[in-house]
Every structure is written in structure tokens, then in C-alpha cells.
Amino acid sequence: MANMDYPGPCPSCGGIDGCSAGVSKEEAVKHYCQGLEMELNAWKARLYDVLVEVGNLNAADQEKVSDTLTLIKSTVKEIEAVRDQMLEVCPTSLTDQESELGGKLQQLRVNYTKALQVI
């Protein structure tokens, strides 16, 4: 199962910021994004499970959780956008992206927990 707390960086470098420019940095970013992709897939599976359960709820409970589900879906899309940008740009430093992704993953955890409380 994917590490739900931290998807990267590559094991072959001392971290992406420590990789030399060029191919090794591109590989490090690619590896980081693959880890992030695994984590996103795990969250999507969890979201699917929640959506199935919400479908079985009464209308009042579905209404309670609808905003939370919308937040979860949008956060996943935001994480995907950051990942796509990282693959396209191959940043020289991931400090900003790592803090942004960490915050978004925390939002996923919080909203997922809220959804489970209703279910």
C-alpha cells in the first residue's frame, strides 16, 4: 500500500534537491510523481468506497456529506494538477511543491474523516 504520508523522493538521490541537473533530476521528479500517483490512486479507491456507501444513505445524510465529497474531489484534482506541472516543468527544487502537497494530503485526511463520521 502506498505511503499515505509521503510519496517521494527517489531512493537513488539524496533527495530531488540533491540531484545534479539533467537526467538524474528528471528521473528523481518522475519517481516522486510515481509515488504521488500511487498515493492518489489509493485516495481515489477510498473515495469510491465512500461514494458507494453514501449512495446507500438517506437523503438527509447524503446532503450532510455532499460538500465534504466535493472538497475531496477537488483536492484530488488539485494534487493531480501539481503532479502534472512537476512532470512538465521538472522543478529544480521541490520545497514549495512538497509543502503544498503535504497541505493538500492533510485536507484529504480531514475531509475523509468527516465523510466517514456521517457514514
PDB file of N, CA and C in Angstrom:
ATOM      1  N   MET A   1       0.846  -1.183   0.000  1.00  0.00           N
ATOM      2  CA  MET A   1       0.000   0.000   0.000  1.00  0.00           C
ATOM      3  C   MET A   1       0.887   1.239   0.000  1.00  0.00           C
ATOM      4  N   ALA A   2       0.442   2.240  -0.686  1.00  0.00           N
ATOM      5  CA  ALA A   2       1.209   3.480  -0.782  1.00  0.00           C
ATOM      6  C   ALA A   2       1.340   4.143   0.574  1.00  0.00           C
ATOM      7  N   ASN A   3       2.447   4.811   0.767  1.00  0.00           N
ATOM      8  CA  ASN A   3       2.669   5.555   1.995  1.00  0.00           C
ATOM      9  C   ASN A   3       1.746   6.765   1.963  1.00  0.00           C
ATOM     10  N   MET A   4       0.802   6.821   2.862  1.00  0.00           N
ATOM     11  CA  MET A   4      -0.204   7.873   2.825  1.00  0.00           C
ATOM     12  C   MET A   4       0.298   9.201   3.410  1.00  0.00           C
ATOM     13  N   ASP A   5       1.536   9.211   3.864  1.00  0.00           N
ATOM     14  CA  ASP A   5       2.064  10.434   4.447  1.00  0.00           C
ATOM     15  C   ASP A   5       3.086  11.130   3.558  1.00  0.00           C
ATOM     16  N   TYR A   6       3.810  10.378   2.722  1.00  0.00           N
ATOM     17  CA  TYR A   6       4.896  10.986   1.987  1.00  0.00           C
ATOM     18  C   TYR A   6       5.238  10.151   0.766  1.00  0.00           C
ATOM     19  N   PRO A   7       5.030  10.667  -0.440  1.00  0.00           N
ATOM     20  CA  PRO A   7       5.224   9.869  -1.630  1.00  0.00           C
ATOM     21  C   PRO A   7       6.659   9.821  -2.180  1.00  0.00           C
ATOM     22  N   GLY A   8       7.533  10.707  -1.861  1.00  0.00           N
ATOM     23  CA  GLY A   8       8.841  10.753  -2.545  1.00  0.00           C
ATOM     24  C   GLY A   8       9.943  10.896  -1.549  1.00  0.00           C
ATOM     25  N   PRO A   9      11.069  11.348  -1.892  1.00  0.00           N
ATOM     26  CA  PRO A   9      11.668  11.443  -3.219  1.00  0.00           C
ATOM     27  C   PRO A   9      12.358  10.147  -3.621  1.00  0.00           C
ATOM     28  N   CYS A  10      13.148  10.215  -4.650  1.00  0.00           N
ATOM     29  CA  CYS A  10      13.732   8.985  -5.181  1.00  0.00           C
ATOM     30  C   CYS A  10      14.798   8.422  -4.242  1.00  0.00           C
ATOM     31  N   PRO A  11      14.929   7.076  -4.193  1.00  0.00           N
ATOM     32  CA  PRO A  11      15.925   6.475  -3.317  1.00  0.00           C
ATOM     33  C   PRO A  11      17.339   6.577  -3.865  1.00  0.00           C
ATOM     34  N   SER A  12      17.494   6.846  -5.166  1.00  0.00           N
ATOM     35  CA  SER A  12      18.828   6.858  -5.752  1.00  0.00           C
ATOM     36  C   SER A  12      19.557   8.179  -5.566  1.00  0.00           C
ATOM     37  N   CYS A  13      18.858   9.209  -5.154  1.00  0.00           N
ATOM     38  CA  CYS A  13      19.478  10.505  -4.904  1.00  0.00           C
ATOM     39  C   CYS A  13      19.342  10.829  -3.427  1.00  0.00           C
ATOM     40  N   GLY A  14      20.041  11.828  -2.974  1.00  0.00           N
ATOM     41  CA  GLY A  14      19.895  12.277  -1.597  1.00  0.00           C
ATOM     42  C   GLY A  14      18.667  13.143  -1.458  1.00  0.00           C
ATOM     43  N   GLY A  15      17.718  12.994  -2.337  1.00  0.00           N
ATOM     44  CA  GLY A  15      16.538  13.853  -2.412  1.00  0.00           C
ATOM     45  C   GLY A  15      16.602  14.562  -3.745  1.00  0.00           C
ATOM     46  N   ILE A  16      15.507  15.027  -4.231  1.00  0.00           N
ATOM     47  CA  ILE A  16      15.490  15.660  -5.543  1.00  0.00           C
ATOM     48  C   ILE A  16      16.338  16.907  -5.552  1.00  0.00           C
ATOM     49  N   ASP A  17      16.302  17.668  -4.460  1.00  0.00           N
ATOM     50  CA  ASP A  17      17.097  18.886  -4.412  1.00  0.00           C
ATOM     51  C   ASP A  17      18.594  18.575  -4.441  1.00  0.00           C
ATOM     52  N   GLY A  18      18.984  17.369  -4.040  1.00  0.00           N
ATOM     53  CA  GLY A  18      20.387  16.984  -4.058  1.00  0.00           C
ATOM     54  C   GLY A  18      20.851  16.392  -5.364  1.00  0.00           C
ATOM     55  N   CYS A  19      19.931  16.135  -6.294  1.00  0.00           N
ATOM     56  CA  CYS A  19      20.305  15.553  -7.582  1.00  0.00           C
ATOM     57  C   CYS A  19      20.964  16.614  -8.455  1.00  0.00           C
ATOM     58  N   SER A  20      21.906  16.173  -9.246  1.00  0.00           N
ATOM     59  CA  SER A  20      22.506  17.102 -10.202  1.00  0.00           C
ATOM     60  C   SER A  20      21.499  17.357 -11.314  1.00  0.00           C
ATOM     61  N   ALA A  21      21.710  18.408 -12.047  1.00  0.00           N
ATOM     62  CA  ALA A  21      20.784  18.771 -13.107  1.00  0.00           C
ATOM     63  C   ALA A  21      20.811  17.705 -14.193  1.00  0.00           C
ATOM     64  N   GLY A  22      19.807  17.721 -15.032  1.00  0.00           N
ATOM     65  CA  GLY A  22      19.785  16.821 -16.167  1.00  0.00           C
ATOM     66  C   GLY A  22      18.965  15.580 -15.926  1.00  0.00           C
ATOM     67  N   VAL A  23      19.463  14.474 -16.457  1.00  0.00           N
ATOM     68  CA  VAL A  23      18.713  13.223 -16.462  1.00  0.00           C
ATOM     69  C   VAL A  23      18.410  12.728 -15.055  1.00  0.00           C
ATOM     70  N   SER A  24      19.369  12.825 -14.134  1.00  0.00           N
ATOM     71  CA  SER A  24      19.116  12.312 -12.785  1.00  0.00           C
ATOM     72  C   SER A  24      18.017  13.095 -12.091  1.00  0.00           C
ATOM     73  N   LYS A  25      17.960  14.396 -12.305  1.00  0.00           N
ATOM     74  CA  LYS A  25      16.894  15.201 -11.699  1.00  0.00           C
ATOM     75  C   LYS A  25      15.556  14.860 -12.337  1.00  0.00           C
ATOM     76  N   GLU A  26      15.520  14.677 -13.637  1.00  0.00           N
ATOM     77  CA  GLU A  26      14.277  14.307 -14.301  1.00  0.00           C
ATOM     78  C   GLU A  26      13.780  12.954 -13.794  1.00  0.00           C
ATOM     79  N   GLU A  27      14.687  12.008 -13.628  1.00  0.00           N
ATOM     80  CA  GLU A  27      14.317  10.695 -13.101  1.00  0.00           C
ATOM     81  C   GLU A  27      13.813  10.812 -11.663  1.00  0.00           C
ATOM     82  N   ALA A  28      14.443  11.661 -10.880  1.00  0.00           N
ATOM     83  CA  ALA A  28      14.024  11.843  -9.490  1.00  0.00           C
ATOM     84  C   ALA A  28      12.614  12.427  -9.417  1.00  0.00           C
ATOM     85  N   VAL A  29      12.334  13.425 -10.235  1.00  0.00           N
ATOM     86  CA  VAL A  29      10.998  14.022 -10.261  1.00  0.00           C
ATOM     87  C   VAL A  29       9.986  12.995 -10.755  1.00  0.00           C
ATOM     88  N   LYS A  30      10.358  12.227 -11.773  1.00  0.00           N
ATOM     89  CA  LYS A  30       9.464  11.198 -12.305  1.00  0.00           C
ATOM     90  C   LYS A  30       9.144  10.157 -11.226  1.00  0.00           C
ATOM     91  N   HIS A  31      10.168   9.746 -10.473  1.00  0.00           N
ATOM     92  CA  HIS A  31       9.962   8.769  -9.405  1.00  0.00           C
ATOM     93  C   HIS A  31       9.066   9.351  -8.298  1.00  0.00           C
ATOM     94  N   TYR A  32       9.317  10.587  -7.944  1.00  0.00           N
ATOM     95  CA  TYR A  32       8.492  11.267  -6.943  1.00  0.00           C
ATOM     96  C   TYR A  32       7.035  11.288  -7.398  1.00  0.00           C
ATOM     97  N   CYS A  33       6.815  11.619  -8.661  1.00  0.00           N
ATOM     98  CA  CYS A  33       5.457  11.703  -9.196  1.00  0.00           C
ATOM     99  C   CYS A  33       4.803  10.322  -9.270  1.00  0.00           C
ATOM    100  N   GLN A  34       5.592   9.282  -9.505  1.00  0.00           N
ATOM    101  CA  GLN A  34       5.037   7.932  -9.481  1.00  0.00           C
ATOM    102  C   GLN A  34       4.554   7.579  -8.075  1.00  0.00           C
ATOM    103  N   GLY A  35       5.326   7.951  -7.074  1.00  0.00           N
ATOM    104  CA  GLY A  35       4.887   7.729  -5.692  1.00  0.00           C
ATOM    105  C   GLY A  35       3.631   8.511  -5.381  1.00  0.00           C
ATOM    106  N   LEU A  36       3.578   9.720  -5.874  1.00  0.00           N
ATOM    107  CA  LEU A  36       2.392  10.550  -5.686  1.00  0.00           C
ATOM    108  C   LEU A  36       1.194   9.937  -6.410  1.00  0.00           C
ATOM    109  N   GLU A  37       1.432   9.388  -7.586  1.00  0.00           N
ATOM    110  CA  GLU A  37       0.367   8.736  -8.339  1.00  0.00           C
ATOM    111  C   GLU A  37      -0.188   7.537  -7.570  1.00  0.00           C
ATOM    112  N   MET A  38       0.682   6.757  -6.948  1.00  0.00           N
ATOM    113  CA  MET A  38       0.219   5.622  -6.138  1.00  0.00           C
ATOM    114  C   MET A  38      -0.641   6.103  -4.981  1.00  0.00           C
ATOM    115  N   GLU A  39      -0.222   7.171  -4.363  1.00  0.00           N
ATOM    116  CA  GLU A  39      -0.995   7.711  -3.250  1.00  0.00           C
ATOM    117  C   GLU A  39      -2.343   8.241  -3.727  1.00  0.00           C
ATOM    118  N   LEU A  40      -2.355   8.920  -4.869  1.00  0.00           N
ATOM    119  CA  LEU A  40      -3.620   9.406  -5.421  1.00  0.00           C
ATOM    120  C   LEU A  40      -4.562   8.246  -5.751  1.00  0.00           C
ATOM    121  N   ASN A  41      -4.020   7.174  -6.298  1.00  0.00           N
ATOM    122  CA  ASN A  41      -4.847   6.012  -6.612  1.00  0.00           C
ATOM    123  C   ASN A  41      -5.462   5.414  -5.347  1.00  0.00           C
ATOM    124  N   ALA A  42      -4.691   5.392  -4.279  1.00  0.00           N
ATOM    125  CA  ALA A  42      -5.225   4.892  -3.005  1.00  0.00           C
ATOM    126  C   ALA A  42      -6.355   5.795  -2.506  1.00  0.00           C
ATOM    127  N   TRP A  43      -6.186   7.103  -2.629  1.00  0.00           N
ATOM    128  CA  TRP A  43      -7.237   8.028  -2.204  1.00  0.00           C
ATOM    129  C   TRP A  43      -8.466   7.905  -3.090  1.00  0.00           C
ATOM    130  N   LYS A  44      -8.259   7.702  -4.391  1.00  0.00           N
ATOM    131  CA  LYS A  44      -9.398   7.535  -5.292  1.00  0.00           C
ATOM    132  C   LYS A  44     -10.186   6.278  -4.934  1.00  0.00           C
ATOM    133  N   ALA A  45      -9.484   5.222  -4.580  1.00  0.00           N
ATOM    134  CA  ALA A  45     -10.166   3.991  -4.158  1.00  0.00           C
ATOM    135  C   ALA A  45     -10.976   4.234  -2.892  1.00  0.00           C
ATOM    136  N   ARG A  46     -10.392   4.951  -1.951  1.00  0.00           N
ATOM    137  CA  ARG A  46     -11.127   5.283  -0.725  1.00  0.00           C
ATOM    138  C   ARG A  46     -12.345   6.134  -1.038  1.00  0.00           C
ATOM    139  N   LEU A  47     -12.172   7.113  -1.932  1.00  0.00           N
ATOM    140  CA  LEU A  47     -13.280   7.981  -2.318  1.00  0.00           C
ATOM    141  C   LEU A  47     -14.387   7.162  -2.976  1.00  0.00           C
ATOM    142  N   TYR A  48     -14.024   6.228  -3.810  1.00  0.00           N
ATOM    143  CA  TYR A  48     -15.023   5.372  -4.453  1.00  0.00           C
ATOM    144  C   TYR A  48     -15.812   4.600  -3.395  1.00  0.00           C
ATOM    145  N   ASP A  49     -15.110   4.040  -2.433  1.00  0.00           N
ATOM    146  CA  ASP A  49     -15.779   3.303  -1.362  1.00  0.00           C
ATOM    147  C   ASP A  49     -16.761   4.200  -0.605  1.00  0.00           C
ATOM    148  N   VAL A  50     -16.344   5.429  -0.341  1.00  0.00           N
ATOM    149  CA  VAL A  50     -17.220   6.374   0.361  1.00  0.00           C
ATOM    150  C   VAL A  50     -18.441   6.701  -0.504  1.00  0.00           C
ATOM    151  N   LEU A  51     -18.216   6.907  -1.807  1.00  0.00           N
ATOM    152  CA  LEU A  51     -19.338   7.226  -2.699  1.00  0.00           C
ATOM    153  C   LEU A  51     -20.355   6.091  -2.741  1.00  0.00           C
ATOM    154  N   VAL A  52     -19.883   4.861  -2.733  1.00  0.00           N
ATOM    155  CA  VAL A  52     -20.797   3.721  -2.714  1.00  0.00           C
ATOM    156  C   VAL A  52     -21.622   3.733  -1.432  1.00  0.00           C
ATOM    157  N   GLU A  53     -20.966   3.968  -0.312  1.00  0.00           N
ATOM    158  CA  GLU A  53     -21.672   3.996   0.973  1.00  0.00           C
ATOM    159  C   GLU A  53     -22.656   5.162   1.039  1.00  0.00           C
ATOM    160  N   VAL A  54     -22.259   6.308   0.500  1.00  0.00           N
ATOM    161  CA  VAL A  54     -23.145   7.475   0.529  1.00  0.00           C
ATOM    162  C   VAL A  54     -24.399   7.198  -0.297  1.00  0.00           C
ATOM    163  N   GLY A  55     -24.251   6.435  -1.370  1.00  0.00           N
ATOM    164  CA  GLY A  55     -25.403   6.087  -2.189  1.00  0.00           C
ATOM    165  C   GLY A  55     -26.450   5.297  -1.426  1.00  0.00           C
ATOM    166  N   ASN A  56     -26.022   4.639  -0.356  1.00  0.00           N
ATOM    167  CA  ASN A  56     -26.946   3.850   0.459  1.00  0.00           C
ATOM    168  C   ASN A  56     -27.589   4.647   1.598  1.00  0.00           C
ATOM    169  N   LEU A  57     -27.159   5.889   1.773  1.00  0.00           N
ATOM    170  CA  LEU A  57     -27.687   6.716   2.865  1.00  0.00           C
ATOM    171  C   LEU A  57     -29.015   7.349   2.484  1.00  0.00           C
ATOM    172  N   ASN A  58     -29.739   7.815   3.498  1.00  0.00           N
ATOM    173  CA  ASN A  58     -30.960   8.563   3.217  1.00  0.00           C
ATOM    174  C   ASN A  58     -30.589   9.958   2.704  1.00  0.00           C
ATOM    175  N   ALA A  59     -31.563  10.653   2.160  1.00  0.00           N
ATOM    176  CA  ALA A  59     -31.316  11.950   1.516  1.00  0.00           C
ATOM    177  C   ALA A  59     -30.711  12.972   2.471  1.00  0.00           C
ATOM    178  N   ALA A  60     -31.144  12.993   3.714  1.00  0.00           N
ATOM    179  CA  ALA A  60     -30.626  13.972   4.680  1.00  0.00           C
ATOM    180  C   ALA A  60     -29.138  13.749   4.944  1.00  0.00           C
ATOM    181  N   ASP A  61     -28.751  12.483   5.118  1.00  0.00           N
ATOM    182  CA  ASP A  61     -27.338  12.194   5.359  1.00  0.00           C
ATOM    183  C   ASP A  61     -26.502  12.436   4.111  1.00  0.00           C
ATOM    184  N   GLN A  62     -27.075  12.165   2.938  1.00  0.00           N
ATOM    185  CA  GLN A  62     -26.352  12.453   1.697  1.00  0.00           C
ATOM    186  C   GLN A  62     -26.076  13.948   1.568  1.00  0.00           C
ATOM    187  N   GLU A  63     -27.037  14.747   1.971  1.00  0.00           N
ATOM    188  CA  GLU A  63     -26.869  16.203   1.920  1.00  0.00           C
ATOM    189  C   GLU A  63     -25.769  16.650   2.877  1.00  0.00           C
ATOM    190  N   LYS A  64     -25.695  16.026   4.042  1.00  0.00           N
ATOM    191  CA  LYS A  64     -24.665  16.384   5.031  1.00  0.00           C
ATOM    192  C   LYS A  64     -23.262  16.168   4.491  1.00  0.00           C
ATOM    193  N   VAL A  65     -23.077  15.141   3.692  1.00  0.00           N
ATOM    194  CA  VAL A  65     -21.738  14.758   3.254  1.00  0.00           C
ATOM    195  C   VAL A  65     -21.393  15.283   1.849  1.00  0.00           C
ATOM    196  N   SER A  66     -22.350  15.866   1.153  1.00  0.00           N
ATOM    197  CA  SER A  66     -22.110  16.276  -0.235  1.00  0.00           C
ATOM    198  C   SER A  66     -21.010  17.329  -0.371  1.00  0.00           C
ATOM    199  N   ASP A  67     -20.985  18.329   0.508  1.00  0.00           N
ATOM    200  CA  ASP A  67     -19.939  19.358   0.439  1.00  0.00           C
ATOM    201  C   ASP A  67     -18.558  18.762   0.718  1.00  0.00           C
ATOM    202  N   THR A  68     -18.502  17.847   1.668  1.00  0.00           N
ATOM    203  CA  THR A  68     -17.238  17.198   2.001  1.00  0.00           C
ATOM    204  C   THR A  68     -16.721  16.391   0.817  1.00  0.00           C
ATOM    205  N   LEU A  69     -17.605  15.677   0.146  1.00  0.00           N
ATOM    206  CA  LEU A  69     -17.205  14.893  -1.025  1.00  0.00           C
ATOM    207  C   LEU A  69     -16.709  15.798  -2.147  1.00  0.00           C
ATOM    208  N   THR A  70     -17.378  16.929  -2.318  1.00  0.00           N
ATOM    209  CA  THR A  70     -16.939  17.888  -3.330  1.00  0.00           C
ATOM    210  C   THR A  70     -15.530  18.396  -3.004  1.00  0.00           C
ATOM    211  N   LEU A  71     -15.265  18.674  -1.733  1.00  0.00           N
ATOM    212  CA  LEU A  71     -13.930  19.110  -1.327  1.00  0.00           C
ATOM    213  C   LEU A  71     -12.883  18.021  -1.578  1.00  0.00           C
ATOM    214  N   ILE A  72     -13.226  16.785  -1.296  1.00  0.00           N
ATOM    215  CA  ILE A  72     -12.290  15.684  -1.530  1.00  0.00           C
ATOM    216  C   ILE A  72     -11.969  15.580  -3.023  1.00  0.00           C
ATOM    217  N   LYS A  73     -12.988  15.611  -3.850  1.00  0.00           N
ATOM    218  CA  LYS A  73     -12.783  15.503  -5.297  1.00  0.00           C
ATOM    219  C   LYS A  73     -11.930  16.646  -5.831  1.00  0.00           C
ATOM    220  N   SER A  74     -12.206  17.851  -5.381  1.00  0.00           N
ATOM    221  CA  SER A  74     -11.434  18.996  -5.877  1.00  0.00           C
ATOM    222  C   SER A  74      -9.991  18.951  -5.386  1.00  0.00           C
ATOM    223  N   THR A  75      -9.775  18.477  -4.171  1.00  0.00           N
ATOM    224  CA  THR A  75      -8.406  18.365  -3.651  1.00  0.00           C
ATOM    225  C   THR A  75      -7.614  17.334  -4.450  1.00  0.00           C
ATOM    226  N   VAL A  76      -8.245  16.226  -4.798  1.00  0.00           N
ATOM    227  CA  VAL A  76      -7.562  15.220  -5.630  1.00  0.00           C
ATOM    228  C   VAL A  76      -7.190  15.832  -6.974  1.00  0.00           C
ATOM    229  N   LYS A  77      -8.096  16.589  -7.566  1.00  0.00           N
ATOM    230  CA  LYS A  77      -7.804  17.248  -8.854  1.00  0.00           C
ATOM    231  C   LYS A  77      -6.651  18.249  -8.717  1.00  0.00           C
ATOM    232  N   GLU A  78      -6.602  18.982  -7.603  1.00  0.00           N
ATOM    233  CA  GLU A  78      -5.519  19.933  -7.376  1.00  0.00           C
ATOM    234  C   GLU A  78      -4.176  19.207  -7.259  1.00  0.00           C
ATOM    235  N   ILE A  79      -4.170  18.081  -6.566  1.00  0.00           N
ATOM    236  CA  ILE A  79      -2.934  17.301  -6.436  1.00  0.00           C
ATOM    237  C   ILE A  79      -2.499  16.784  -7.805  1.00  0.00           C
ATOM    238  N   GLU A  80      -3.444  16.325  -8.601  1.00  0.00           N
ATOM    239  CA  GLU A  80      -3.117  15.862  -9.950  1.00  0.00           C
ATOM    240  C   GLU A  80      -2.523  16.992 -10.790  1.00  0.00           C
ATOM    241  N   ALA A  81      -3.052  18.193 -10.633  1.00  0.00           N
ATOM    242  CA  ALA A  81      -2.537  19.340 -11.383  1.00  0.00           C
ATOM    243  C   ALA A  81      -1.097  19.657 -10.984  1.00  0.00           C
ATOM    244  N   VAL A  82      -0.788  19.595  -9.686  1.00  0.00           N
ATOM    245  CA  VAL A  82       0.579  19.838  -9.223  1.00  0.00           C
ATOM    246  C   VAL A  82       1.505  18.771  -9.790  1.00  0.00           C
ATOM    247  N   ARG A  83       1.065  17.506  -9.745  1.00  0.00           N
ATOM    248  CA  ARG A  83       1.868  16.412 -10.290  1.00  0.00           C
ATOM    249  C   ARG A  83       2.151  16.630 -11.768  1.00  0.00           C
ATOM    250  N   ASP A  84       1.123  16.981 -12.541  1.00  0.00           N
ATOM    251  CA  ASP A  84       1.288  17.200 -13.975  1.00  0.00           C
ATOM    252  C   ASP A  84       2.253  18.350 -14.245  1.00  0.00           C
ATOM    253  N   GLN A  85       2.150  19.399 -13.450  1.00  0.00           N
ATOM    254  CA  GLN A  85       3.046  20.537 -13.604  1.00  0.00           C
ATOM    255  C   GLN A  85       4.492  20.137 -13.297  1.00  0.00           C
ATOM    256  N   MET A  86       4.671  19.316 -12.264  1.00  0.00           N
ATOM    257  CA  MET A  86       6.017  18.868 -11.909  1.00  0.00           C
ATOM    258  C   MET A  86       6.625  18.046 -13.046  1.00  0.00           C
ATOM    259  N   LEU A  87       5.848  17.190 -13.658  1.00  0.00           N
ATOM    260  CA  LEU A  87       6.354  16.368 -14.761  1.00  0.00           C
ATOM    261  C   LEU A  87       6.688  17.220 -15.978  1.00  0.00           C
ATOM    262  N   GLU A  88       5.912  18.269 -16.182  1.00  0.00           N
ATOM    263  CA  GLU A  88       6.136  19.137 -17.339  1.00  0.00           C
ATOM    264  C   GLU A  88       7.342  20.055 -17.132  1.00  0.00           C
ATOM    265  N   VAL A  89       7.452  20.633 -15.955  1.00  0.00           N
ATOM    266  CA  VAL A  89       8.476  21.653 -15.699  1.00  0.00           C
ATOM    267  C   VAL A  89       9.779  21.062 -15.179  1.00  0.00           C
ATOM    268  N   CYS A  90       9.713  19.942 -14.475  1.00  0.00           N
ATOM    269  CA  CYS A  90      10.870  19.332 -13.812  1.00  0.00           C
ATOM    270  C   CYS A  90      11.566  20.372 -12.932  1.00  0.00           C
ATOM    271  N   PRO A  91      10.947  20.728 -11.813  1.00  0.00           N
ATOM    272  CA  PRO A  91      11.460  21.813 -10.977  1.00  0.00           C
ATOM    273  C   PRO A  91      12.848  21.517 -10.407  1.00  0.00           C
ATOM    274  N   THR A  92      13.595  22.585 -10.183  1.00  0.00           N
ATOM    275  CA  THR A  92      14.938  22.429  -9.614  1.00  0.00           C
ATOM    276  C   THR A  92      14.876  22.225  -8.109  1.00  0.00           C
ATOM    277  N   SER A  93      13.788  22.626  -7.493  1.00  0.00           N
ATOM    278  CA  SER A  93      13.589  22.433  -6.060  1.00  0.00           C
ATOM    279  C   SER A  93      12.133  22.081  -5.819  1.00  0.00           C
ATOM    280  N   LEU A  94      11.903  21.124  -4.919  1.00  0.00           N
ATOM    281  CA  LEU A  94      10.533  20.700  -4.644  1.00  0.00           C
ATOM    282  C   LEU A  94      10.017  21.194  -3.303  1.00  0.00           C
ATOM    283  N   THR A  95      10.730  22.077  -2.678  1.00  0.00           N
ATOM    284  CA  THR A  95      10.331  22.548  -1.363  1.00  0.00           C
ATOM    285  C   THR A  95       8.912  23.099  -1.373  1.00  0.00           C
ATOM    286  N   ASP A  96       8.609  23.958  -2.338  1.00  0.00           N
ATOM    287  CA  ASP A  96       7.279  24.558  -2.417  1.00  0.00           C
ATOM    288  C   ASP A  96       6.213  23.510  -2.722  1.00  0.00           C
ATOM    289  N   GLN A  97       6.511  22.630  -3.702  1.00  0.00           N
ATOM    290  CA  GLN A  97       5.545  21.601  -4.074  1.00  0.00           C
ATOM    291  C   GLN A  97       5.304  20.624  -2.924  1.00  0.00           C
ATOM    292  N   GLU A  98       6.362  20.249  -2.208  1.00  0.00           N
ATOM    293  CA  GLU A  98       6.204  19.312  -1.100  1.00  0.00           C
ATOM    294  C   GLU A  98       5.332  19.898   0.004  1.00  0.00           C
ATOM    295  N   SER A  99       5.519  21.173   0.311  1.00  0.00           N
ATOM    296  CA  SER A  99       4.685  21.771   1.357  1.00  0.00           C
ATOM    297  C   SER A  99       3.237  21.914   0.878  1.00  0.00           C
ATOM    298  N   GLU A 100       3.050  22.262  -0.385  1.00  0.00           N
ATOM    299  CA  GLU A 100       1.699  22.373  -0.944  1.00  0.00           C
ATOM    300  C   GLU A 100       1.014  21.004  -0.955  1.00  0.00           C
ATOM    301  N   LEU A 101       1.738  19.983  -1.414  1.00  0.00           N
ATOM    302  CA  LEU A 101       1.165  18.629  -1.454  1.00  0.00           C
ATOM    303  C   LEU A 101       0.873  18.109  -0.053  1.00  0.00           C
ATOM    304  N   GLY A 102       1.757  18.393   0.883  1.00  0.00           N
ATOM    305  CA  GLY A 102       1.529  17.973   2.262  1.00  0.00           C
ATOM    306  C   GLY A 102       0.252  18.572   2.817  1.00  0.00           C
ATOM    307  N   GLY A 103       0.012  19.839   2.531  1.00  0.00           N
ATOM    308  CA  GLY A 103      -1.209  20.501   2.981  1.00  0.00           C
ATOM    309  C   GLY A 103      -2.448  19.905   2.341  1.00  0.00           C
ATOM    310  N   LYS A 104      -2.352  19.605   1.062  1.00  0.00           N
ATOM    311  CA  LYS A 104      -3.498  19.030   0.355  1.00  0.00           C
ATOM    312  C   LYS A 104      -3.785  17.603   0.832  1.00  0.00           C
ATOM    313  N   LEU A 105      -2.745  16.831   1.105  1.00  0.00           N
ATOM    314  CA  LEU A 105      -2.943  15.482   1.631  1.00  0.00           C
ATOM    315  C   LEU A 105      -3.574  15.533   3.024  1.00  0.00           C
ATOM    316  N   GLN A 106      -3.196  16.540   3.802  1.00  0.00           N
ATOM    317  CA  GLN A 106      -3.816  16.720   5.118  1.00  0.00           C
ATOM    318  C   GLN A 106      -5.297  17.066   4.967  1.00  0.00           C
ATOM    319  N   GLN A 107      -5.627  17.921   3.983  1.00  0.00           N
ATOM    320  CA  GLN A 107      -7.026  18.245   3.720  1.00  0.00           C
ATOM    321  C   GLN A 107      -7.814  16.987   3.353  1.00  0.00           C
ATOM    322  N   LEU A 108      -7.201  16.107   2.539  1.00  0.00           N
ATOM    323  CA  LEU A 108      -7.858  14.859   2.181  1.00  0.00           C
ATOM    324  C   LEU A 108      -8.169  14.029   3.414  1.00  0.00           C
ATOM    325  N   ARG A 109      -7.185  13.919   4.302  1.00  0.00           N
ATOM    326  CA  ARG A 109      -7.386  13.123   5.524  1.00  0.00           C
ATOM    327  C   ARG A 109      -8.527  13.683   6.365  1.00  0.00           C
ATOM    328  N   VAL A 110      -8.549  14.999   6.545  1.00  0.00           N
ATOM    329  CA  VAL A 110      -9.570  15.648   7.367  1.00  0.00           C
ATOM    330  C   VAL A 110     -10.955  15.449   6.755  1.00  0.00           C
ATOM    331  N   ASN A 111     -11.081  15.698   5.456  1.00  0.00           N
ATOM    332  CA  ASN A 111     -12.383  15.579   4.808  1.00  0.00           C
ATOM    333  C   ASN A 111     -12.834  14.125   4.714  1.00  0.00           C
ATOM    334  N   TYR A 112     -11.910  13.226   4.527  1.00  0.00           N
ATOM    335  CA  TYR A 112     -12.246  11.797   4.501  1.00  0.00           C
ATOM    336  C   TYR A 112     -12.795  11.368   5.866  1.00  0.00           C
ATOM    337  N   THR A 113     -12.171  11.840   6.916  1.00  0.00           N
ATOM    338  CA  THR A 113     -12.632  11.519   8.277  1.00  0.00           C
ATOM    339  C   THR A 113     -14.035  12.095   8.515  1.00  0.00           C
ATOM    340  N   LYS A 114     -14.270  13.319   8.038  1.00  0.00           N
ATOM    341  CA  LYS A 114     -15.610  13.915   8.176  1.00  0.00           C
ATOM    342  C   LYS A 114     -16.652  13.081   7.449  1.00  0.00           C
ATOM    343  N   ALA A 115     -16.316  12.619   6.255  1.00  0.00           N
ATOM    344  CA  ALA A 115     -17.249  11.813   5.482  1.00  0.00           C
ATOM    345  C   ALA A 115     -17.549  10.505   6.201  1.00  0.00           C
ATOM    346  N   LEU A 116     -16.531   9.901   6.779  1.00  0.00           N
ATOM    347  CA  LEU A 116     -16.724   8.634   7.494  1.00  0.00           C
ATOM    348  C   LEU A 116     -17.608   8.811   8.718  1.00  0.00           C
ATOM    349  N   GLN A 117     -17.541   9.971   9.348  1.00  0.00           N
ATOM    350  CA  GLN A 117     -18.374  10.222  10.523  1.00  0.00           C
ATOM    351  C   GLN A 117     -19.853  10.231  10.167  1.00  0.00           C
ATOM    352  N   VAL A 118     -20.185  10.693   8.971  1.00  0.00           N
ATOM    353  CA  VAL A 118     -21.567  10.715   8.546  1.00  0.00           C
ATOM    354  C   VAL A 118     -22.033   9.313   8.163  1.00  0.00           C
ATOM    355  N   ILE A 119     -21.128   8.577   7.555  1.00  0.00           N
ATOM    356  CA  ILE A 119     -21.474   7.215   7.116  1.00  0.00           C
ATOM    357  C   ILE A 119     -21.620   6.337   8.337  1.00  0.00           C
TER     358      ILE A 119
END
